[in-house]
Protein backbone atom coordinates (compact mmCIF):
# COMPACT_ATOMS: atom_id res chain seq x y z
CA MET A 1 -4.49 -58.42 10.18
CA LEU A 2 -6.25 -55.84 8.05
CA THR A 3 -4.31 -53.83 5.46
CA PRO A 4 -4.26 -50.00 5.63
CA SER A 5 -6.67 -49.71 2.66
CA GLN A 6 -9.07 -52.19 4.30
CA ILE A 7 -8.92 -50.25 7.58
CA ASN A 8 -9.73 -47.00 5.75
CA ALA A 9 -12.66 -48.65 3.98
CA LEU A 10 -14.01 -50.00 7.27
CA SER A 11 -13.62 -46.57 8.84
CA GLU A 12 -15.79 -45.03 6.13
CA LEU A 13 -18.43 -47.75 6.39
CA SER A 14 -18.60 -47.39 10.17
CA GLN A 15 -19.07 -43.63 9.88
CA GLN A 16 -21.98 -44.17 7.48
CA ALA A 17 -23.69 -46.66 9.80
CA MET A 18 -25.82 -43.97 11.45
CA GLN A 19 -26.72 -42.04 8.29
CA PRO A 20 -30.33 -43.33 8.23
CA VAL A 21 -30.79 -42.04 11.80
CA VAL A 22 -29.11 -38.69 11.14
CA ASP A 23 -31.08 -38.21 7.92
CA PHE A 24 -34.40 -38.71 9.71
CA LEU A 25 -33.58 -36.53 12.71
CA LEU A 26 -32.21 -33.58 10.71
CA GLY A 27 -35.23 -33.50 8.45
CA ASP A 28 -37.78 -34.05 11.21
CA ILE A 29 -36.34 -31.40 13.55
CA SER A 30 -35.98 -28.78 10.79
CA ARG A 31 -39.55 -29.32 9.61
CA ARG A 32 -41.06 -29.07 13.10
CA ILE A 33 -39.08 -25.95 14.03
CA ALA A 34 -40.40 -24.33 10.86
CA GLU A 35 -43.94 -25.20 12.05
CA ALA A 36 -43.25 -23.54 15.41
CA GLY A 37 -42.39 -20.25 13.75
CA GLN A 38 -45.76 -20.06 11.96
CA PHE A 39 -47.91 -19.54 15.08
CA THR A 40 -49.20 -16.04 15.71
CA SER A 41 -50.32 -16.38 19.31
CA SER A 42 -48.73 -17.71 22.47
CA ALA A 43 -51.81 -19.76 23.40
CA ALA A 44 -51.94 -21.56 20.04
CA TYR A 45 -48.22 -22.24 20.15
CA GLN A 46 -48.34 -23.69 23.68
CA ILE A 47 -51.19 -26.06 22.70
CA TRP A 48 -49.26 -27.21 19.61
CA ARG A 49 -46.09 -27.55 21.65
CA ALA A 50 -47.72 -29.81 24.23
CA GLN A 51 -49.46 -31.98 21.67
CA ALA A 52 -46.54 -32.20 19.25
CA LEU A 53 -44.04 -33.17 21.92
CA GLY A 54 -46.02 -36.25 22.96
CA VAL A 55 -46.56 -37.32 19.38
CA ASP A 56 -42.96 -36.62 18.46
CA ARG A 57 -41.55 -38.85 21.18
CA LYS A 58 -43.56 -41.84 19.96
CA THR A 59 -42.85 -41.12 16.31
CA ILE A 60 -39.17 -40.59 16.90
CA GLU A 61 -38.80 -43.78 18.93
CA LYS A 62 -40.62 -45.76 16.26
CA GLU A 63 -38.61 -44.28 13.40
CA LEU A 64 -35.30 -44.68 15.20
CA GLN A 65 -35.98 -48.33 15.97
CA LYS A 66 -36.78 -48.96 12.32
CA ARG A 67 -33.59 -47.30 11.14
CA LEU A 68 -31.40 -48.75 13.87
CA LYS A 69 -32.52 -52.22 12.87
CA VAL A 70 -30.99 -51.69 9.44
CA SER A 71 -27.82 -50.16 10.91
CA LYS A 72 -27.32 -53.04 13.37
CA LYS A 73 -27.69 -55.58 10.58
CA GLU A 74 -24.97 -53.79 8.59
CA LEU A 75 -22.79 -53.60 11.70
CA LYS A 76 -22.91 -57.36 12.29
CA LYS A 77 -22.09 -58.00 8.64
CA LEU A 78 -19.16 -55.57 8.89
CA LEU A 79 -17.70 -57.33 11.94
CA ARG A 80 -17.90 -60.81 10.46
CA GLN A 81 -16.43 -59.84 7.09
CA SER A 82 -13.51 -57.98 8.65
CA ALA A 83 -12.80 -60.90 10.96
CA GLU A 84 -12.60 -63.31 8.02
CA VAL A 85 -10.30 -61.02 6.03
CA GLY A 86 -7.98 -60.48 9.00
CA TYR A 87 -7.87 -64.19 9.88
CA ASN A 88 -7.02 -65.25 6.33
CA PHE A 89 -4.26 -62.64 6.09
CA ASP A 90 -2.56 -63.93 9.25
CA MET A 91 -2.71 -67.50 8.00
CA LYS A 92 -0.69 -66.64 4.89
CA GLY A 93 2.31 -65.83 7.05
CA PHE A 94 2.68 -69.39 8.35
CA GLY A 95 3.02 -72.14 5.78
CA LYS A 96 0.72 -74.49 7.70
CA LYS A 97 -2.79 -75.68 7.03
CA ALA A 98 -5.18 -73.64 9.12
CA ILE A 99 -8.71 -74.42 10.27
CA PRO A 100 -11.16 -72.83 7.79
CA PHE A 101 -12.67 -69.62 9.09
CA ALA A 102 -16.25 -70.95 9.35
CA GLU A 103 -15.10 -74.09 11.25
CA ASN A 104 -12.89 -72.32 13.79
CA THR A 105 -15.09 -72.55 16.90
CA SER A 106 -12.97 -70.37 19.21
CA LEU A 107 -12.74 -67.75 16.49
CA GLN A 108 -16.52 -67.66 16.07
CA GLN A 109 -16.88 -67.19 19.82
CA ILE A 110 -14.64 -64.11 19.65
CA ILE A 111 -16.76 -62.69 16.83
CA ASP A 112 -20.04 -63.39 18.65
CA ALA A 113 -18.71 -61.60 21.73
CA ALA A 114 -17.66 -58.62 19.59
CA VAL A 115 -21.11 -58.45 17.95
CA LYS A 116 -22.86 -58.45 21.35
CA LEU A 117 -20.52 -55.76 22.67
CA ALA A 118 -21.03 -53.61 19.60
CA ASP A 119 -24.80 -54.03 19.86
CA LYS A 120 -24.68 -52.86 23.48
CA ASP A 121 -22.48 -49.86 22.62
CA PHE A 122 -24.81 -48.99 19.75
CA LYS A 123 -27.78 -48.91 22.10
CA ASN A 124 -25.92 -46.78 24.66
CA ILE A 125 -24.98 -44.23 22.02
CA THR A 126 -28.49 -43.87 20.63
CA GLN A 127 -29.91 -43.35 24.11
CA THR A 128 -27.84 -40.18 24.56
CA LEU A 129 -28.81 -38.33 21.38
CA GLY A 130 -28.91 -34.56 21.37
CA PHE A 131 -27.93 -31.49 19.39
CA CYS A 132 -26.82 -27.89 19.79
CA ASP A 133 -29.67 -25.43 20.38
CA PRO A 134 -29.73 -21.85 18.97
CA TYR A 135 -27.98 -20.57 22.10
CA GLY A 136 -24.95 -22.82 21.59
CA ASN A 137 -25.83 -25.35 24.30
CA PHE A 138 -25.66 -29.09 23.65
CA LYS A 139 -28.77 -30.67 25.14
CA GLU A 140 -30.65 -33.95 25.15
CA TYR A 141 -32.77 -34.33 22.03
CA THR A 142 -36.13 -33.33 23.57
CA GLU A 143 -34.71 -30.35 25.49
CA ALA A 144 -32.81 -29.06 22.47
CA TYR A 145 -35.88 -29.53 20.30
CA ILE A 146 -38.09 -27.52 22.70
CA SER A 147 -35.42 -24.82 23.02
CA SER A 148 -35.18 -24.48 19.22
CA CYS A 149 -38.95 -24.32 18.74
CA ASP A 150 -39.29 -21.73 21.52
CA TYR A 151 -36.53 -19.67 19.97
CA ALA A 152 -38.15 -19.66 16.53
CA PHE A 153 -41.60 -18.79 17.91
CA ASN A 154 -40.32 -16.00 20.19
CA GLN A 155 -38.17 -14.42 17.48
CA VAL A 156 -41.15 -14.15 15.13
CA ILE A 157 -43.89 -13.24 17.66
CA THR A 158 -41.81 -10.41 19.16
CA GLY A 159 -40.83 -9.04 15.76
CA ALA A 160 -37.12 -9.50 16.50
CA THR A 161 -36.59 -11.03 13.06
CA ASP A 162 -38.65 -12.14 10.09
CA TYR A 163 -39.89 -15.74 9.84
CA ASN A 164 -37.20 -17.04 7.46
CA THR A 165 -34.35 -15.54 9.49
CA ALA A 166 -35.76 -16.93 12.73
CA ILE A 167 -36.06 -20.46 11.35
CA ARG A 168 -32.63 -20.23 9.75
CA ASN A 169 -31.04 -19.17 13.04
CA ALA A 170 -32.97 -21.77 15.02
CA THR A 171 -31.67 -24.61 12.84
CA LYS A 172 -28.17 -23.27 12.11
CA ASN A 173 -26.35 -25.17 14.85
CA LEU A 174 -28.30 -28.32 14.05
CA ALA A 175 -27.24 -28.18 10.39
CA ASP A 176 -23.66 -27.11 11.11
CA LYS A 177 -22.89 -29.53 13.93
CA GLY A 178 -25.36 -32.35 13.25
CA ILE A 179 -26.72 -34.85 15.77
CA HIS A 180 -24.49 -35.52 18.78
CA THR A 181 -24.25 -38.09 21.52
CA ILE A 182 -23.81 -36.55 24.98
CA ASN A 183 -22.21 -37.87 28.15
CA TYR A 184 -24.41 -36.25 30.78
CA GLU A 185 -21.94 -36.82 33.62
CA SER A 186 -18.93 -35.21 31.95
CA GLY A 187 -20.78 -32.95 29.53
CA VAL A 188 -18.57 -34.19 26.67
CA HIS A 189 -20.36 -34.38 23.35
CA THR A 190 -19.34 -35.98 20.04
CA SER A 191 -21.01 -36.04 16.64
CA LEU A 192 -23.12 -39.15 16.25
CA GLU A 193 -21.18 -40.29 13.18
CA ALA A 194 -17.83 -39.86 14.95
CA ALA A 195 -19.05 -41.58 18.12
CA VAL A 196 -20.35 -44.58 16.19
CA ARG A 197 -17.21 -44.73 14.08
CA ARG A 198 -15.03 -44.65 17.19
CA ASN A 199 -17.00 -47.41 18.89
CA ILE A 200 -17.21 -49.65 15.84
CA MET A 201 -13.54 -49.24 14.94
CA GLY A 202 -12.58 -49.77 18.58
CA GLY A 203 -14.62 -52.97 18.65
CA LEU A 204 -13.16 -54.11 15.35
CA GLY A 205 -9.66 -53.40 16.62
CA LEU A 206 -10.24 -55.38 19.82
CA MET A 207 -11.67 -58.30 17.85
CA GLN A 208 -8.74 -58.25 15.40
CA GLU A 209 -6.27 -58.20 18.29
CA GLN A 210 -7.92 -61.25 19.86
CA ILE A 211 -7.97 -63.12 16.56
CA SER A 212 -4.34 -62.27 15.85
CA GLN A 213 -3.35 -63.26 19.39
CA GLN A 214 -5.06 -66.62 18.92
CA ASN A 215 -3.21 -67.10 15.62
CA HIS A 216 0.01 -66.03 17.35
CA ASP A 217 -0.40 -68.70 20.04
CA THR A 218 -1.63 -71.41 17.67
CA PHE A 219 1.41 -71.21 15.40
CA GLY A 220 4.01 -70.53 18.07
CA ALA A 221 4.87 -66.99 17.00
CA ASN A 222 7.22 -64.98 19.21
CA GLY A 223 6.84 -61.47 17.82
CA TRP A 224 4.81 -58.94 15.91
CA GLU A 225 5.24 -56.86 12.77
CA ILE A 226 3.53 -53.48 12.45
CA SER A 227 2.08 -52.79 9.02
CA ALA A 228 3.38 -49.82 7.00
CA HIS A 229 1.92 -47.37 4.54
CA ALA A 230 2.74 -44.10 2.83
CA ALA A 231 1.76 -40.77 4.41
CA SER A 232 1.90 -42.08 7.96
CA ALA A 233 1.00 -39.86 10.91
CA PRO A 234 4.13 -38.57 12.72
CA ASP A 235 3.54 -40.61 15.90
CA HIS A 236 3.64 -43.93 14.02
CA GLU A 237 6.06 -43.15 11.19
CA ASP A 238 9.25 -44.32 12.92
CA ILE A 239 7.81 -47.57 14.28
CA GLN A 240 5.89 -48.83 11.25
CA GLY A 241 7.07 -51.74 9.10
CA LYS A 242 9.36 -53.18 11.79
CA GLN A 243 9.34 -56.44 13.73
CA TYR A 244 9.34 -56.62 17.52
CA THR A 245 9.58 -59.43 20.05
CA ASP A 246 6.48 -60.02 22.17
CA LYS A 247 7.97 -58.05 25.06
CA GLU A 248 9.19 -55.20 22.87
CA TYR A 249 5.82 -54.89 21.15
CA GLU A 250 3.87 -54.85 24.42
CA GLU A 251 6.11 -52.14 25.90
CA LEU A 252 5.98 -50.09 22.71
CA ASN A 253 2.21 -50.31 22.30
CA ASN A 254 1.57 -49.42 25.94
CA SER A 255 3.69 -46.29 25.53
CA LEU A 256 1.68 -44.96 22.58
CA VAL A 257 -1.15 -42.46 22.92
CA ARG A 258 -2.79 -44.08 19.90
CA ARG A 259 -2.20 -47.81 20.34
CA ILE A 260 -1.60 -50.01 17.32
CA GLY A 261 -4.62 -52.21 16.79
CA THR A 262 -7.35 -49.76 17.76
CA LEU A 263 -7.81 -49.01 14.03
CA HIS A 264 -8.00 -45.26 14.65
CA CYS A 265 -5.07 -45.03 12.27
CA GLY A 266 -4.11 -47.11 9.24
CA HIS A 267 -1.84 -49.50 11.15
CA ALA A 268 -2.31 -53.00 12.51
CA ALA A 269 0.03 -55.71 13.81
CA PHE A 270 0.27 -59.36 12.81
CA PRO A 271 2.12 -62.30 14.42
CA VAL A 272 5.54 -63.38 13.14
CA ILE A 273 8.33 -65.76 14.09
CA ILE A 274 11.40 -63.58 14.54
CA GLY A 275 14.21 -64.68 12.26
CA VAL A 276 11.89 -66.81 10.13
CA ASN A 277 9.29 -64.46 8.70
CA GLU A 278 10.90 -61.78 6.51
CA PRO A 279 9.63 -58.22 7.06
CA GLN A 280 7.22 -57.05 4.36
CA TYR A 281 9.25 -53.88 3.78
CA THR A 282 13.00 -53.32 3.56
CA PRO A 283 14.65 -50.48 5.52
CA GLU A 284 15.14 -48.68 2.19
CA GLN A 285 11.43 -48.86 1.39
CA LEU A 286 10.49 -47.55 4.84
CA GLU A 287 12.97 -44.70 4.49
CA LYS A 288 11.46 -43.80 1.12
CA PHE A 289 8.01 -43.63 2.76
CA LYS A 290 9.45 -41.03 5.16
CA GLU A 291 11.26 -39.06 2.47
CA ASP A 292 8.21 -38.92 0.19
CA ASN A 293 6.01 -37.86 3.10
CA LYS A 294 8.42 -35.09 4.12
CA LYS A 295 8.86 -33.89 0.52
CA GLY A 296 5.11 -33.48 0.37
CA VAL A 297 3.32 -30.99 -1.84
CA THR A 298 2.81 -27.24 -2.14
CA TYR A 299 -0.65 -25.76 -2.59
CA ASN A 300 -1.50 -22.06 -2.76
CA GLY A 301 2.00 -21.23 -1.56
CA ARG A 302 1.87 -23.50 1.52
CA HIS A 303 3.89 -26.69 2.00
CA TYR A 304 2.19 -29.83 3.31
CA THR A 305 3.65 -33.22 4.14
CA VAL A 306 1.65 -35.93 2.37
CA TYR A 307 0.03 -36.79 5.70
CA GLU A 308 -0.91 -33.13 6.26
CA ALA A 309 -2.28 -33.00 2.71
CA THR A 310 -4.58 -35.95 3.45
CA GLN A 311 -5.78 -34.23 6.64
CA LYS A 312 -6.54 -31.08 4.63
CA GLN A 313 -8.55 -33.23 2.24
CA ARG A 314 -10.48 -34.70 5.20
CA GLN A 315 -11.18 -31.13 6.37
CA ILE A 316 -12.74 -30.19 3.01
CA GLU A 317 -14.80 -33.40 3.06
CA ARG A 318 -16.17 -32.49 6.50
CA ALA A 319 -17.04 -29.01 5.20
CA ILE A 320 -18.92 -30.57 2.27
CA ARG A 321 -20.89 -32.84 4.61
CA CYS A 322 -21.78 -29.85 6.76
CA GLN A 323 -22.93 -27.88 3.70
CA LYS A 324 -25.05 -30.80 2.48
CA ARG A 325 -26.77 -30.89 5.87
CA ARG A 326 -27.49 -27.18 5.48
CA VAL A 327 -29.06 -27.86 2.08
CA LEU A 328 -31.25 -30.61 3.52
CA SER A 329 -32.26 -28.49 6.50
CA ALA A 330 -33.20 -25.54 4.25
CA GLU A 331 -35.24 -27.89 2.06
CA LYS A 332 -37.19 -29.27 5.01
CA ARG A 333 -38.01 -25.86 6.46
CA GLY A 334 -38.92 -24.39 3.05
CA ASP A 335 -36.26 -21.66 3.19
CA LYS A 336 -35.66 -20.72 -0.47
CA ASP A 337 -33.07 -18.01 0.20
CA GLY A 338 -31.17 -20.18 2.67
CA LEU A 339 -31.33 -23.10 0.24
CA LEU A 340 -29.85 -21.06 -2.60
CA THR A 341 -27.02 -19.76 -0.40
CA SER A 342 -26.22 -23.29 0.79
CA GLN A 343 -26.32 -24.69 -2.75
CA ILE A 344 -23.90 -22.04 -4.01
CA LYS A 345 -21.47 -22.68 -1.15
CA LEU A 346 -21.72 -26.43 -1.75
CA ARG A 347 -20.79 -25.98 -5.42
CA ARG A 348 -17.78 -23.89 -4.39
CA LEU A 349 -16.63 -26.53 -1.88
CA ASN A 350 -17.02 -29.35 -4.41
CA GLU A 351 -14.94 -27.40 -6.88
CA GLU A 352 -12.29 -26.69 -4.25
CA TYR A 353 -12.22 -30.38 -3.31
CA GLY A 354 -11.61 -31.51 -6.87
CA ARG A 355 -9.01 -28.85 -7.59
CA TYR A 356 -7.16 -29.42 -4.32
CA SER A 357 -7.08 -33.20 -4.67
CA ASN A 358 -5.80 -32.94 -8.23
CA ALA A 359 -3.18 -30.33 -7.33
CA VAL A 360 -1.69 -32.36 -4.46
CA GLY A 361 -1.97 -35.70 -6.26
CA LEU A 362 -4.57 -37.33 -4.00
CA PRO A 363 -7.46 -39.39 -5.36
CA THR A 364 -10.86 -37.91 -4.64
CA GLN A 365 -12.97 -39.97 -2.26
CA ARG A 366 -16.47 -38.62 -2.78
CA GLU A 367 -17.93 -41.36 -0.59
CA ARG A 368 -16.36 -39.62 2.42
CA ALA A 369 -18.54 -36.59 1.75
CA GLN A 370 -21.80 -38.54 1.54
CA VAL A 371 -24.70 -37.50 3.75
CA GLY A 372 -27.87 -39.55 4.19
CA GLY A 373 -30.81 -38.07 2.31
CA PHE A 374 -28.61 -36.06 -0.04
CA GLY A 375 -28.92 -37.80 -3.40
CA LYS A 376 -28.73 -37.13 -7.12
CA ARG A 377 -31.70 -34.77 -7.05
CA GLN A 378 -30.15 -32.49 -4.44
CA ALA A 379 -26.77 -32.62 -6.19
CA ALA A 380 -28.28 -31.68 -9.57
CA GLN A 381 -30.35 -28.90 -8.03
CA ALA A 382 -27.31 -27.49 -6.22
CA THR A 383 -25.31 -27.42 -9.45
CA GLY A 384 -28.18 -25.86 -11.38
CA ALA A 385 -28.84 -23.22 -8.74
CA ALA A 386 -25.16 -22.25 -8.55
CA ASN A 387 -24.89 -21.95 -12.35
CA LYS A 388 -28.06 -19.86 -12.55
CA TYR A 389 -26.89 -17.56 -9.78
CA TYR A 390 -23.51 -17.10 -11.45
CA ASN A 391 -25.10 -16.24 -14.79
CA GLU A 392 -27.26 -13.56 -13.17
CA TRP A 393 -24.44 -12.20 -11.01
CA SER A 394 -21.84 -12.09 -13.80
CA LYS A 395 -24.29 -10.26 -16.07
CA SER A 396 -25.06 -7.71 -13.34
CA ILE A 397 -21.40 -6.71 -13.01
CA GLY A 398 -20.40 -6.87 -16.69
CA LEU A 399 -18.42 -10.10 -16.38
CA ASN A 400 -20.57 -12.39 -18.50
CA ASN A 401 -18.89 -11.62 -21.85
CA SER A 402 -15.37 -12.40 -20.66
CA VAL A 403 -15.92 -15.17 -18.08
CA LYS A 404 -19.04 -16.84 -19.43
CA THR A 405 -19.48 -19.86 -17.18
CA LEU A 406 -19.01 -20.80 -13.54
CA ASP A 407 -16.57 -23.51 -14.61
CA LYS A 408 -14.44 -20.86 -16.34
CA TYR A 409 -14.63 -18.68 -13.23
CA TYR A 410 -13.32 -21.53 -11.06
CA ASP A 411 -10.67 -22.31 -13.67
CA ILE A 412 -9.36 -18.75 -13.31
CA LYS A 413 -9.56 -18.93 -9.53
CA TYR A 414 -7.44 -22.06 -9.24
CA THR A 415 -5.06 -21.80 -12.22
CA THR A 416 -4.30 -18.07 -12.57
CA PRO A 417 -4.43 -16.48 -9.07
CA PRO A 418 -3.21 -13.00 -10.23
CA ARG A 419 -6.04 -12.76 -12.76
CA TYR A 420 -8.53 -13.99 -10.17
CA GLU A 421 -7.38 -11.28 -7.73
CA LEU A 422 -7.95 -8.71 -10.45
CA LEU A 423 -11.39 -10.15 -11.16
CA GLU A 424 -12.26 -10.00 -7.46
CA GLN A 425 -11.16 -6.37 -7.24
CA TYR A 426 -13.21 -5.50 -10.32
CA ALA A 427 -16.31 -7.16 -8.82
CA LYS A 428 -15.84 -5.25 -5.54
CA ASP A 429 -15.44 -1.95 -7.39
CA VAL A 430 -18.60 -2.51 -9.43
CA GLU A 431 -20.68 -3.72 -6.49
CA ALA A 432 -19.50 -0.75 -4.37
CA GLY A 433 -20.47 1.67 -7.14
CA TRP A 434 -17.01 2.93 -8.05
CA ILE A 435 -17.14 1.53 -11.57
CA SER A 436 -20.09 1.07 -13.92
CA PRO A 437 -20.80 -2.55 -14.98
CA LEU A 438 -21.10 -1.18 -18.52
CA SER A 439 -17.33 -0.68 -18.44
CA GLY A 440 -16.94 -4.47 -18.37
CA PHE A 441 -14.17 -6.69 -17.07
CA ASP A 442 -12.53 -6.93 -20.48
CA ASN A 443 -11.92 -3.18 -20.50
CA TYR A 444 -10.82 -3.22 -16.84
CA GLU A 445 -8.31 -5.99 -17.50
CA GLU A 446 -7.01 -4.36 -20.69
CA LEU A 447 -6.37 -1.04 -18.92
CA TYR A 448 -4.72 -2.82 -15.98
CA ASN A 449 -2.39 -4.73 -18.32
CA ARG A 450 -1.49 -1.54 -20.16
CA ILE A 451 -0.43 0.06 -16.87
CA GLN A 452 1.68 -3.04 -16.12
CA ASN A 453 3.31 -3.07 -19.56
CA GLU A 454 3.70 0.64 -20.32
CA ILE A 455 4.30 2.21 -16.89
CA ASP A 456 5.16 -0.37 -14.22
CA GLY A 457 8.91 -0.82 -13.67
CA LYS A 458 9.86 2.47 -15.32
CA THR A 459 11.45 5.47 -13.60
CA ALA A 460 9.38 8.61 -13.08
CA ALA A 461 10.77 12.12 -13.58
CA ASN A 462 11.82 12.42 -9.90
CA GLY A 463 13.73 9.11 -9.91
CA THR A 464 11.02 6.94 -8.30
CA VAL A 465 10.63 3.51 -9.89
CA ILE A 466 6.94 2.73 -10.46
CA GLN A 467 6.08 -0.55 -8.73
CA GLY A 468 2.42 -1.38 -9.20
CA GLN A 469 -0.71 0.41 -8.08
CA VAL A 470 -3.20 0.47 -5.24
CA PRO A 471 -6.76 -0.76 -6.08
CA HIS A 472 -8.11 2.79 -5.84
CA PHE A 473 -6.00 3.79 -8.85
CA MET A 474 -8.10 1.71 -11.27
CA GLN A 475 -11.25 3.42 -10.00
CA ARG A 476 -9.80 6.83 -10.86
CA LEU A 477 -8.35 5.61 -14.16
CA ILE A 478 -11.76 4.44 -15.42
CA GLY A 479 -13.83 7.14 -13.75
CA THR A 480 -16.94 7.22 -11.57
CA MET A 481 -20.41 8.53 -12.40
CA VAL A 482 -21.28 8.97 -8.71
CA ASP A 483 -18.79 8.90 -5.85
CA PRO A 484 -20.36 6.19 -3.58
CA GLU A 485 -18.59 7.47 -0.45
CA LYS A 486 -19.99 10.98 -0.86
CA LYS A 487 -23.40 9.61 -1.76
CA LYS A 488 -23.38 7.48 1.38
CA LYS A 489 -22.72 10.57 3.51
CA ASP A 490 -25.23 12.74 1.57
CA LEU A 491 -22.41 15.01 0.47
CA GLN A 492 -22.24 16.79 -2.85
CA ILE A 493 -22.18 14.15 -5.56
CA ILE A 494 -19.07 14.45 -7.70
CA ARG A 495 -18.68 12.90 -11.13
CA ARG A 496 -15.11 11.76 -11.72
CA SER A 497 -14.05 11.44 -15.34
CA GLY A 498 -11.58 8.79 -16.36
CA VAL A 499 -8.02 9.45 -17.53
CA ASP A 500 -6.21 8.31 -20.67
CA ILE A 501 -3.14 6.14 -20.04
CA ASP A 502 -1.07 8.13 -22.52
CA ASP A 503 -1.79 11.25 -20.46
CA ILE A 504 -0.72 9.39 -17.29
CA SER A 505 2.57 8.42 -18.93
CA ASN A 506 3.17 11.99 -20.04
CA ALA A 507 2.53 13.31 -16.50
CA LEU A 508 4.90 10.78 -14.90
CA PHE A 509 7.78 10.94 -17.35
CA ASN A 510 7.43 14.46 -18.82
CA PRO A 511 5.64 16.52 -16.15
CA GLU A 512 5.18 20.24 -16.22
CA LYS A 513 5.72 20.21 -12.47
CA VAL A 514 6.46 17.80 -9.59
CA ASP A 515 5.16 18.91 -6.20
CA PRO A 516 7.20 18.43 -3.01
CA PRO A 517 6.36 15.30 -0.98
CA GLN A 518 3.27 15.68 1.18
CA LYS A 519 2.11 13.66 4.19
CA ARG A 520 -1.38 12.26 3.61
CA PRO A 521 -4.02 11.88 6.35
CA SER A 522 -3.20 8.14 6.41
CA GLY A 523 0.40 8.97 7.31
CA GLU A 524 1.76 7.90 3.91
CA ILE A 525 3.95 10.19 1.82
CA SER A 526 2.75 11.18 -1.65
CA VAL A 527 4.08 13.17 -4.58
CA ARG A 528 1.95 14.79 -7.28
CA PHE A 529 3.06 14.81 -10.93
CA ILE A 530 1.26 17.54 -12.86
CA GLY A 531 1.03 16.85 -16.56
CA GLU A 532 -0.55 18.67 -19.44
CA ARG A 533 -3.88 16.84 -19.20
CA CYS A 534 -3.89 15.03 -15.82
CA ILE A 535 -2.41 14.82 -12.33
CA VAL A 536 -0.93 11.57 -11.03
CA THR A 537 -0.09 10.84 -7.38
CA ILE A 538 2.43 8.20 -6.31
CA ASN A 539 3.98 6.99 -3.06
CA PRO A 540 7.73 7.72 -3.39
CA ASN A 541 8.58 5.11 -0.73
CA THR A 542 6.74 2.17 -2.31
CA GLY A 543 6.60 3.34 -5.91
CA LYS A 544 2.89 2.57 -6.11
CA LEU A 545 0.46 4.63 -8.17
CA ILE A 546 -2.15 6.07 -5.78
CA GLN A 547 -4.60 8.05 -7.86
CA THR A 548 -5.08 10.15 -10.97
CA ASN A 549 -7.49 12.92 -11.98
CA PRO A 550 -8.05 14.94 -15.16
CA ARG A 551 -6.38 18.34 -14.96
CA LYS A 552 -8.75 21.23 -15.07
CA LYS A 553 -7.79 24.11 -17.29
CA GLY A 554 -5.86 26.82 -15.50
CA LYS A 555 -4.55 24.44 -12.80
């Protein structure tokens, strides 16, 4: 039997088995689609298309064979090593001298059969390669390749889009979804990595079952024990860690959607003699597994069981792999803008992965996010590009003096959500033109905090308790050189001066006049407080500050 940690390790190794193939195909396809978009006449493109297709087929077949040879070698090694580990584990449960692994003839026959079967499955999978074309259709490799090249050429030659956009769109589905294997009869398609993982783990599971069954018969076992681990999936949580007679185990396993032994989860079964072999876990330990899983963790206000938390971690890892493929694709097609965008998003995902894993108490498993062809150079360039972009962006909006580095920005995002929300609102206001970047985030934050400390929670002259502010209020508090909404509509440009907070307080708590409630165009009710130097509007139902304007003399 294999332990849960060994099963997880094998699962990762099996998923990486096809990385050399995926790496080659992603790069090759992206590069050739970029070539297609460079032609300026239909005749030249058609000649290139006909010549390139014939050459590509030969090149692809040659390259795939070379890479598959390496993958098959690793696959055979994987099968034999896992067989030896599982065999030796089973032998520990029976205090009898067992035949050494290498000398067990019947055992070696089982392994040889598994290797041959896996080799056949491997070949079948690689003969059905394809990917998703720009129109969202999964097609055989050659058809999808032609469709993508045609798309890129037609988009550019007709002037529908510029060259970079056309190439980016033509390769988007390839980068996002990767290489797939397609069942042409059913139309079902699966990512190449997932298909290979499923086949390898299925083959490993079948081999382990046969080995364990042989051990079961050799030593006269009459039952099975299902392994147990923390953070179990719901469908296996109640059955793990327990012993079953042969009949009970067969009936149980046949009733499961995910059978024990297929290795698509972290469980396996090993032979036992009921009443002789003590269970590995006590009922109290199994119950604690369930309690700890249910207790789970809370992240960003949402509760997760430990199992759900691990699945969320897997989701982020998949997103990172997808983003790395986008980086590689942009590199191959020479798309500088697309490359920068992908590098920035990758940095954000890596940061999210680390923060999330730390917050929920899960170890990071960076190997799960590995993508063939994405090495130290790409990682360093992605980090450098993201830092450079942040420095330029933060300077452009007046953020660079208060939040100087990208690391500090992420620290705010994940440790102080209220401040991050304020930072986001400030950035939106500056980028929309409501606030000048010269005002700076420090000033914006200081004014916001003064409102919270000096006005929020207090009772206005009409009895309304002030309870926060709408985002628009900060725009009016600071003031606007040019109203972007009026500028957008070519209306008269109005300069809006800012308002002093002391004047706002005076208007709210010592007004010269309080107007009757009015219904705004949005349907909300508002009340104006007219002070000596400014006018403040609030919503009497919510208590929120809506806007403020300097008071003109005589009004």
